[in-house]
Each structure stands twice: as C-alpha cells, then as structure tokens.
Amino acid sequence: MEPALGIVTLFAFGGLFTYTVCERRHRRSWVRCEDRPVDPIPDPLRREAGPAPTRPVLVQRRAPKTIRETALWSIYMGQMSLPGGLLGLFGLMACGIGLVSIPGMILAVRIWRLGYAMLRRDPGAEAEARKLHRFAVILNVATLAIAAVLVALGGWEVAGLSLVMVVYAAISFLHAAAMLRCAELLAADTRLRAAPDRPGAMMQGVGLAAPTVGES
C-alpha cells in the first residue's frame, strides 16, 4: 500500500513541482515592454507639436496563461509514458493494442519535453508543437478505429477496454488542440519581438521596474 501511495504522490506533485520551478526560472524569457504615450488623453495642441513623449511599459512578465496551462497539462500527459509503455507490452501479446500504445508512449515523452520547452520559450517549441499536434491527431484517429474494431470483434467483453481507449483519445484530442493554440501564440510572440521598429524592443528580456498595463 505504501509504495503505491508513494507513486501516486510522486505523480501528483512531481510534475507540479518541476513545472513551478521551470516556469519561475524562465519568466524573464517572456518579459516584453512597449513604449506607450505618457499622456494617452487626446490633446489637439500636442498633436500639432509632434509625437507625444513615451515611456517603457511592461506588457508581459511571464508566459501567457494558455501556454502555462498547456505546459502543465503536457507534463502530466507525458508522465503517462510509463504506464502507456507497460500497456503497449501487454498489447503486443493481447489484441494488438501495442500498435497504438507504443507510439503513444513516444508521443507522451515528446509532449513532456514540449511542456518545458514552451515555458522556456525555446526557438523550436512552436514547430515541435505543430508536429506533435499532427502526430496526436493521427494517433487518436487510429486509436478510435481500433477501439471500434475491438467492440465489433470482441463484443461487450472488451467494451471496458475500448471505452478507456475512447476516453483517452478524447482527452488527447483536446490536448492536441491546445498545443496548436500554443504554437499560434508562440508564433505571434516571435513576430512581435522580431519587428525591427517595434517600440520598446530593446527592453525585452530585462527585469524592469516599469509600470504594468496587463498580463496575458
């Protein structure tokens, strides 16, 4: 009983701990400032005099909420690689489920790594998120097809196993959609930082005691 409790505790809190450490350590990678007018109130006289004075404003201090949530989700999904691998070994000997479980284990490991890569804002995180989105969609379609075949051939005796496969595929579909959304956010962030004339470009990535207008 105690070893099982230890495993459950490690699964529940291990991922959260490593996520928290990584997210806090790499917040500076997400810092972004923009130059904003000191006085945003329209003033005809000021418009005639020329551009209004500006000041650097901290508009982003950490990864967007969607990326943070998907990263934590990815870490927990990745931790399923071990039980997925064990199921794959079992599936090689029964019903051929290993044809899906072993690729699923590979996907889980890559998803686990992606979670940390997104928190670090790694240059290749966007491309990897798009690749894993496609990989997950294809694998989940295959999983649903195998679940249907199992019910058709094995009847209700394997309905429980098929239901588990369907539920896991549904969760994985949702996660795949979240990864695609994160890829879009990463691409948008890269475009903002790459703009040659973007105001405040020289201030990004530096801890500033600047006013904050909002946080994603």
C-alpha atoms as a PDB file:
ATOM      1  CA  MET A   1       0.000   0.000   0.000  1.00  0.00           C
ATOM      2  CA  GLU A   2       2.771   2.447   0.916  1.00  0.00           C
ATOM      3  CA  PRO A   3       4.708   2.034  -2.376  1.00  0.00           C
ATOM      4  CA  ALA A   4       1.502   2.628  -4.320  1.00  0.00           C
ATOM      5  CA  LEU A   5       0.767   5.750  -2.276  1.00  0.00           C
ATOM      6  CA  GLY A   6       4.298   6.994  -2.918  1.00  0.00           C
ATOM      7  CA  ILE A   7       3.898   6.514  -6.661  1.00  0.00           C
ATOM      8  CA  VAL A   8       0.575   8.364  -6.681  1.00  0.00           C
ATOM      9  CA  THR A   9       2.058  11.208  -4.627  1.00  0.00           C
ATOM     10  CA  LEU A  10       5.072  11.460  -6.930  1.00  0.00           C
ATOM     11  CA  PHE A  11       2.799  11.524  -9.968  1.00  0.00           C
ATOM     12  CA  ALA A  12       0.513  14.169  -8.478  1.00  0.00           C
ATOM     13  CA  PHE A  13       3.115  16.550  -7.073  1.00  0.00           C
ATOM     14  CA  GLY A  14       6.295  15.751  -9.009  1.00  0.00           C
ATOM     15  CA  GLY A  15       5.008  17.273 -12.221  1.00  0.00           C
ATOM     16  CA  LEU A  16       3.610  20.320 -10.435  1.00  0.00           C
ATOM     17  CA  PHE A  17       6.914  20.894  -8.639  1.00  0.00           C
ATOM     18  CA  THR A  18       9.070  20.704 -11.771  1.00  0.00           C
ATOM     19  CA  TYR A  19       6.569  22.874 -13.657  1.00  0.00           C
ATOM     20  CA  THR A  20       6.680  25.548 -10.945  1.00  0.00           C
ATOM     21  CA  VAL A  21      10.481  25.589 -10.855  1.00  0.00           C
ATOM     22  CA  CYS A  22      10.783  25.837 -14.646  1.00  0.00           C
ATOM     23  CA  GLU A  23       8.061  28.472 -15.001  1.00  0.00           C
ATOM     24  CA  ARG A  24       9.578  30.736 -12.360  1.00  0.00           C
ATOM     25  CA  ARG A  25      13.131  30.270 -13.615  1.00  0.00           C
ATOM     26  CA  HIS A  26      12.312  31.263 -17.182  1.00  0.00           C
ATOM     27  CA  ARG A  27       9.848  34.100 -16.651  1.00  0.00           C
ATOM     28  CA  ARG A  28      12.472  36.585 -17.785  1.00  0.00           C
ATOM     29  CA  SER A  29      12.467  34.948 -21.222  1.00  0.00           C
ATOM     30  CA  TRP A  30       8.883  36.139 -21.633  1.00  0.00           C
ATOM     31  CA  VAL A  31       9.334  39.721 -20.423  1.00  0.00           C
ATOM     32  CA  ARG A  32       8.228  42.203 -23.063  1.00  0.00           C
ATOM     33  CA  CYS A  33       7.969  46.010 -22.889  1.00  0.00           C
ATOM     34  CA  GLU A  34       6.432  48.539 -25.219  1.00  0.00           C
ATOM     35  CA  ASP A  35       6.704  52.313 -25.415  1.00  0.00           C
ATOM     36  CA  ARG A  36       3.390  53.933 -24.534  1.00  0.00           C
ATOM     37  CA  PRO A  37       2.407  57.629 -24.554  1.00  0.00           C
ATOM     38  CA  VAL A  38       2.878  59.300 -21.190  1.00  0.00           C
ATOM     39  CA  ASP A  39      -0.465  61.082 -21.593  1.00  0.00           C
ATOM     40  CA  PRO A  40      -2.954  58.940 -23.548  1.00  0.00           C
ATOM     41  CA  ILE A  41      -5.647  61.687 -23.429  1.00  0.00           C
ATOM     42  CA  PRO A  42      -6.048  63.323 -26.878  1.00  0.00           C
ATOM     43  CA  ASP A  43      -4.754  66.874 -26.987  1.00  0.00           C
ATOM     44  CA  PRO A  44      -5.031  68.911 -30.234  1.00  0.00           C
ATOM     45  CA  LEU A  45      -2.173  71.211 -29.235  1.00  0.00           C
ATOM     46  CA  ARG A  46       0.099  68.259 -28.511  1.00  0.00           C
ATOM     47  CA  ARG A  47      -0.749  66.652 -31.845  1.00  0.00           C
ATOM     48  CA  GLU A  48       0.333  69.808 -33.623  1.00  0.00           C
ATOM     49  CA  ALA A  49       3.559  69.959 -31.599  1.00  0.00           C
ATOM     50  CA  GLY A  50       4.619  66.464 -32.664  1.00  0.00           C
ATOM     51  CA  PRO A  51       4.688  62.957 -31.189  1.00  0.00           C
ATOM     52  CA  ALA A  52       3.770  62.654 -27.520  1.00  0.00           C
ATOM     53  CA  PRO A  53       6.528  61.596 -25.094  1.00  0.00           C
ATOM     54  CA  THR A  54       6.577  57.895 -24.301  1.00  0.00           C
ATOM     55  CA  ARG A  55       7.805  55.621 -21.544  1.00  0.00           C
ATOM     56  CA  PRO A  56       8.551  51.879 -21.438  1.00  0.00           C
ATOM     57  CA  VAL A  57       5.624  49.876 -20.069  1.00  0.00           C
ATOM     58  CA  LEU A  58       5.832  46.244 -19.040  1.00  0.00           C
ATOM     59  CA  VAL A  59       3.121  44.478 -21.040  1.00  0.00           C
ATOM     60  CA  GLN A  60       4.155  40.880 -20.381  1.00  0.00           C
ATOM     61  CA  ARG A  61       6.058  39.431 -17.458  1.00  0.00           C
ATOM     62  CA  ARG A  62       5.542  35.673 -17.927  1.00  0.00           C
ATOM     63  CA  ALA A  63       4.239  33.109 -20.396  1.00  0.00           C
ATOM     64  CA  PRO A  64       0.593  33.552 -21.456  1.00  0.00           C
ATOM     65  CA  LYS A  65      -1.942  31.673 -19.360  1.00  0.00           C
ATOM     66  CA  THR A  66      -2.806  29.279 -22.197  1.00  0.00           C
ATOM     67  CA  ILE A  67       0.833  28.272 -22.568  1.00  0.00           C
ATOM     68  CA  ARG A  68       1.283  27.828 -18.822  1.00  0.00           C
ATOM     69  CA  GLU A  69      -1.815  25.652 -18.526  1.00  0.00           C
ATOM     70  CA  THR A  70      -0.949  23.576 -21.597  1.00  0.00           C
ATOM     71  CA  ALA A  71       2.621  23.126 -20.369  1.00  0.00           C
ATOM     72  CA  LEU A  72       1.395  21.709 -17.053  1.00  0.00           C
ATOM     73  CA  TRP A  73      -1.089  19.519 -18.919  1.00  0.00           C
ATOM     74  CA  SER A  74       1.723  18.312 -21.187  1.00  0.00           C
ATOM     75  CA  ILE A  75       3.899  17.399 -18.221  1.00  0.00           C
ATOM     76  CA  TYR A  76       1.139  15.268 -16.704  1.00  0.00           C
ATOM     77  CA  MET A  77       0.315  13.714 -20.080  1.00  0.00           C
ATOM     78  CA  GLY A  78       4.000  12.937 -20.516  1.00  0.00           C
ATOM     79  CA  GLN A  79       4.121  11.175 -17.182  1.00  0.00           C
ATOM     80  CA  MET A  80       1.699   8.658 -18.691  1.00  0.00           C
ATOM     81  CA  SER A  81       4.506   7.369 -20.912  1.00  0.00           C
ATOM     82  CA  LEU A  82       5.486   4.689 -18.381  1.00  0.00           C
ATOM     83  CA  PRO A  83       2.016   3.143 -17.906  1.00  0.00           C
ATOM     84  CA  GLY A  84       1.477   3.587 -21.637  1.00  0.00           C
ATOM     85  CA  GLY A  85       4.625   1.601 -22.344  1.00  0.00           C
ATOM     86  CA  LEU A  86       3.530  -1.167 -19.990  1.00  0.00           C
ATOM     87  CA  LEU A  87       0.156  -1.286 -21.717  1.00  0.00           C
ATOM     88  CA  GLY A  88       1.995  -1.478 -25.020  1.00  0.00           C
ATOM     89  CA  LEU A  89       3.962  -4.521 -23.863  1.00  0.00           C
ATOM     90  CA  PHE A  90       0.707  -6.133 -22.769  1.00  0.00           C
ATOM     91  CA  GLY A  91      -0.952  -5.151 -26.013  1.00  0.00           C
ATOM     92  CA  LEU A  92       1.729  -6.869 -28.085  1.00  0.00           C
ATOM     93  CA  MET A  93       0.578 -10.101 -26.502  1.00  0.00           C
ATOM     94  CA  ALA A  94      -3.149  -9.377 -26.465  1.00  0.00           C
ATOM     95  CA  CYS A  95      -5.375  -7.769 -29.098  1.00  0.00           C
ATOM     96  CA  GLY A  96      -2.506  -5.959 -30.813  1.00  0.00           C
ATOM     97  CA  ILE A  97      -3.138  -2.782 -28.823  1.00  0.00           C
ATOM     98  CA  GLY A  98       0.601  -2.263 -28.629  1.00  0.00           C
ATOM     99  CA  LEU A  99       0.476  -0.957 -32.183  1.00  0.00           C
ATOM    100  CA  VAL A 100      -1.088   2.175 -30.682  1.00  0.00           C
ATOM    101  CA  SER A 101       0.309   2.143 -27.150  1.00  0.00           C
ATOM    102  CA  ILE A 102       3.984   2.169 -28.116  1.00  0.00           C
ATOM    103  CA  PRO A 103       3.633   5.167 -30.478  1.00  0.00           C
ATOM    104  CA  GLY A 104       1.533   6.720 -27.716  1.00  0.00           C
ATOM    105  CA  MET A 105       4.441   6.303 -25.320  1.00  0.00           C
ATOM    106  CA  ILE A 106       6.753   8.048 -27.797  1.00  0.00           C
ATOM    107  CA  LEU A 107       4.221  10.856 -28.177  1.00  0.00           C
ATOM    108  CA  ALA A 108       3.904  11.197 -24.394  1.00  0.00           C
ATOM    109  CA  VAL A 109       7.658  11.584 -23.939  1.00  0.00           C
ATOM    110  CA  ARG A 110       7.817  14.261 -26.629  1.00  0.00           C
ATOM    111  CA  ILE A 111       4.816  16.062 -25.123  1.00  0.00           C
ATOM    112  CA  TRP A 112       6.518  16.024 -21.718  1.00  0.00           C
ATOM    113  CA  ARG A 113       9.601  17.675 -23.214  1.00  0.00           C
ATOM    114  CA  LEU A 114       7.437  20.195 -25.084  1.00  0.00           C
ATOM    115  CA  GLY A 115       5.857  21.377 -21.845  1.00  0.00           C
ATOM    116  CA  TYR A 116       9.197  22.580 -20.505  1.00  0.00           C
ATOM    117  CA  ALA A 117      10.291  23.902 -23.916  1.00  0.00           C
ATOM    118  CA  MET A 118       7.243  26.169 -24.092  1.00  0.00           C
ATOM    119  CA  LEU A 119       7.897  27.532 -20.603  1.00  0.00           C
ATOM    120  CA  ARG A 120      11.486  28.313 -21.643  1.00  0.00           C
ATOM    121  CA  ARG A 121      10.279  29.864 -24.930  1.00  0.00           C
ATOM    122  CA  ASP A 122      12.705  27.659 -26.832  1.00  0.00           C
ATOM    123  CA  PRO A 123      13.151  28.637 -30.508  1.00  0.00           C
ATOM    124  CA  GLY A 124      11.949  25.231 -31.707  1.00  0.00           C
ATOM    125  CA  ALA A 125       8.916  24.996 -29.416  1.00  0.00           C
ATOM    126  CA  GLU A 126       6.459  26.321 -31.998  1.00  0.00           C
ATOM    127  CA  ALA A 127       7.493  23.845 -34.705  1.00  0.00           C
ATOM    128  CA  GLU A 128       7.506  20.956 -32.224  1.00  0.00           C
ATOM    129  CA  ALA A 129       4.018  21.857 -31.000  1.00  0.00           C
ATOM    130  CA  ARG A 130       2.698  21.769 -34.572  1.00  0.00           C
ATOM    131  CA  LYS A 131       4.386  18.423 -35.263  1.00  0.00           C
ATOM    132  CA  LEU A 132       3.003  16.875 -32.090  1.00  0.00           C
ATOM    133  CA  HIS A 133      -0.466  18.218 -32.886  1.00  0.00           C
ATOM    134  CA  ARG A 134      -0.438  16.336 -36.194  1.00  0.00           C
ATOM    135  CA  PHE A 135       1.089  13.242 -34.582  1.00  0.00           C
ATOM    136  CA  ALA A 136      -1.564  13.214 -31.836  1.00  0.00           C
ATOM    137  CA  VAL A 137      -4.482  13.647 -34.251  1.00  0.00           C
ATOM    138  CA  ILE A 138      -3.321  10.765 -36.460  1.00  0.00           C
ATOM    139  CA  LEU A 139      -2.650   8.505 -33.476  1.00  0.00           C
ATOM    140  CA  ASN A 140      -6.011   9.267 -31.869  1.00  0.00           C
ATOM    141  CA  VAL A 141      -7.898   8.540 -35.081  1.00  0.00           C
ATOM    142  CA  ALA A 142      -6.121   5.169 -35.182  1.00  0.00           C
ATOM    143  CA  THR A 143      -6.974   4.607 -31.505  1.00  0.00           C
ATOM    144  CA  LEU A 144     -10.679   5.225 -32.112  1.00  0.00           C
ATOM    145  CA  ALA A 145     -10.627   2.898 -35.117  1.00  0.00           C
ATOM    146  CA  ILE A 146      -9.007   0.107 -33.093  1.00  0.00           C
ATOM    147  CA  ALA A 147     -11.496   0.639 -30.254  1.00  0.00           C
ATOM    148  CA  ALA A 148     -14.363   0.234 -32.710  1.00  0.00           C
ATOM    149  CA  VAL A 149     -12.823  -2.917 -34.205  1.00  0.00           C
ATOM    150  CA  LEU A 150     -12.343  -4.417 -30.738  1.00  0.00           C
ATOM    151  CA  VAL A 151     -16.011  -3.942 -29.901  1.00  0.00           C
ATOM    152  CA  ALA A 152     -17.066  -5.300 -33.293  1.00  0.00           C
ATOM    153  CA  LEU A 153     -14.937  -8.433 -32.968  1.00  0.00           C
ATOM    154  CA  GLY A 154     -14.843  -9.000 -29.214  1.00  0.00           C
ATOM    155  CA  GLY A 155     -18.281  -7.812 -28.233  1.00  0.00           C
ATOM    156  CA  TRP A 156     -19.059  -6.400 -24.823  1.00  0.00           C
ATOM    157  CA  GLU A 157     -16.294  -8.429 -23.215  1.00  0.00           C
ATOM    158  CA  VAL A 158     -13.782  -5.825 -24.365  1.00  0.00           C
ATOM    159  CA  ALA A 159     -16.134  -2.861 -24.135  1.00  0.00           C
ATOM    160  CA  GLY A 160     -14.419  -1.624 -20.975  1.00  0.00           C
ATOM    161  CA  LEU A 161     -11.013  -1.556 -22.642  1.00  0.00           C
ATOM    162  CA  SER A 162     -12.466   0.147 -25.706  1.00  0.00           C
ATOM    163  CA  LEU A 163     -14.105   2.772 -23.506  1.00  0.00           C
ATOM    164  CA  VAL A 164     -10.765   3.553 -21.845  1.00  0.00           C
ATOM    165  CA  MET A 165      -9.195   3.997 -25.277  1.00  0.00           C
ATOM    166  CA  VAL A 166     -12.011   6.301 -26.413  1.00  0.00           C
ATOM    167  CA  VAL A 167     -11.791   8.469 -23.281  1.00  0.00           C
ATOM    168  CA  TYR A 168      -8.017   8.771 -23.555  1.00  0.00           C
ATOM    169  CA  ALA A 169      -8.310   9.647 -27.257  1.00  0.00           C
ATOM    170  CA  ALA A 170     -10.857  12.366 -26.455  1.00  0.00           C
ATOM    171  CA  ILE A 171      -8.560  13.895 -23.825  1.00  0.00           C
ATOM    172  CA  SER A 172      -5.655  13.695 -26.237  1.00  0.00           C
ATOM    173  CA  PHE A 173      -7.682  15.420 -28.975  1.00  0.00           C
ATOM    174  CA  LEU A 174      -8.351  18.316 -26.594  1.00  0.00           C
ATOM    175  CA  HIS A 175      -4.671  18.480 -25.691  1.00  0.00           C
ATOM    176  CA  ALA A 176      -3.707  18.455 -29.369  1.00  0.00           C
ATOM    177  CA  ALA A 177      -5.963  21.458 -29.956  1.00  0.00           C
ATOM    178  CA  ALA A 178      -4.308  23.219 -27.009  1.00  0.00           C
ATOM    179  CA  MET A 179      -0.851  22.522 -28.466  1.00  0.00           C
ATOM    180  CA  LEU A 180      -1.898  24.062 -31.773  1.00  0.00           C
ATOM    181  CA  ARG A 181      -3.160  27.152 -29.959  1.00  0.00           C
ATOM    182  CA  CYS A 182       0.168  27.404 -28.108  1.00  0.00           C
ATOM    183  CA  ALA A 183       2.024  27.167 -31.416  1.00  0.00           C
ATOM    184  CA  GLU A 184      -0.008  30.136 -32.672  1.00  0.00           C
ATOM    185  CA  LEU A 185       0.770  32.124 -29.512  1.00  0.00           C
ATOM    186  CA  LEU A 186       4.473  31.330 -29.804  1.00  0.00           C
ATOM    187  CA  ALA A 187       4.459  32.419 -33.445  1.00  0.00           C
ATOM    188  CA  ALA A 188       2.701  35.683 -32.571  1.00  0.00           C
ATOM    189  CA  ASP A 189       5.179  36.361 -29.768  1.00  0.00           C
ATOM    190  CA  THR A 190       8.101  35.740 -32.110  1.00  0.00           C
ATOM    191  CA  ARG A 191       6.673  38.167 -34.685  1.00  0.00           C
ATOM    192  CA  LEU A 192       6.249  40.876 -32.049  1.00  0.00           C
ATOM    193  CA  ARG A 193       9.823  40.528 -30.852  1.00  0.00           C
ATOM    194  CA  ALA A 194      11.230  40.369 -34.387  1.00  0.00           C
ATOM    195  CA  ALA A 195       9.574  43.607 -35.558  1.00  0.00           C
ATOM    196  CA  PRO A 196      12.555  45.900 -36.360  1.00  0.00           C
ATOM    197  CA  ASP A 197      10.766  49.126 -35.419  1.00  0.00           C
ATOM    198  CA  ARG A 198       8.691  47.789 -32.558  1.00  0.00           C
ATOM    199  CA  PRO A 199       8.612  50.269 -29.653  1.00  0.00           C
ATOM    200  CA  GLY A 200      10.420  49.041 -26.582  1.00  0.00           C
ATOM    201  CA  ALA A 201      12.232  46.300 -28.479  1.00  0.00           C
ATOM    202  CA  MET A 202      15.473  46.944 -26.625  1.00  0.00           C
ATOM    203  CA  MET A 203      13.771  46.470 -23.255  1.00  0.00           C
ATOM    204  CA  GLN A 204      12.540  42.904 -23.720  1.00  0.00           C
ATOM    205  CA  GLY A 205      14.012  40.152 -21.609  1.00  0.00           C
ATOM    206  CA  VAL A 206      15.234  42.576 -18.937  1.00  0.00           C
ATOM    207  CA  GLY A 207      13.750  42.851 -15.473  1.00  0.00           C
ATOM    208  CA  LEU A 208      12.406  46.406 -15.209  1.00  0.00           C
ATOM    209  CA  ALA A 209      10.608  48.364 -12.558  1.00  0.00           C
ATOM    210  CA  ALA A 210       8.294  49.657 -15.245  1.00  0.00           C
ATOM    211  CA  PRO A 211       4.538  50.210 -14.992  1.00  0.00           C
ATOM    212  CA  THR A 212       2.454  47.193 -15.946  1.00  0.00           C
ATOM    213  CA  VAL A 213      -0.639  47.567 -18.100  1.00  0.00           C
ATOM    214  CA  GLY A 214      -1.687  43.960 -18.089  1.00  0.00           C
ATOM    215  CA  GLU A 215      -0.601  40.363 -18.078  1.00  0.00           C
ATOM    216  CA  SER A 216      -1.522  37.651 -20.528  1.00  0.00           C
END
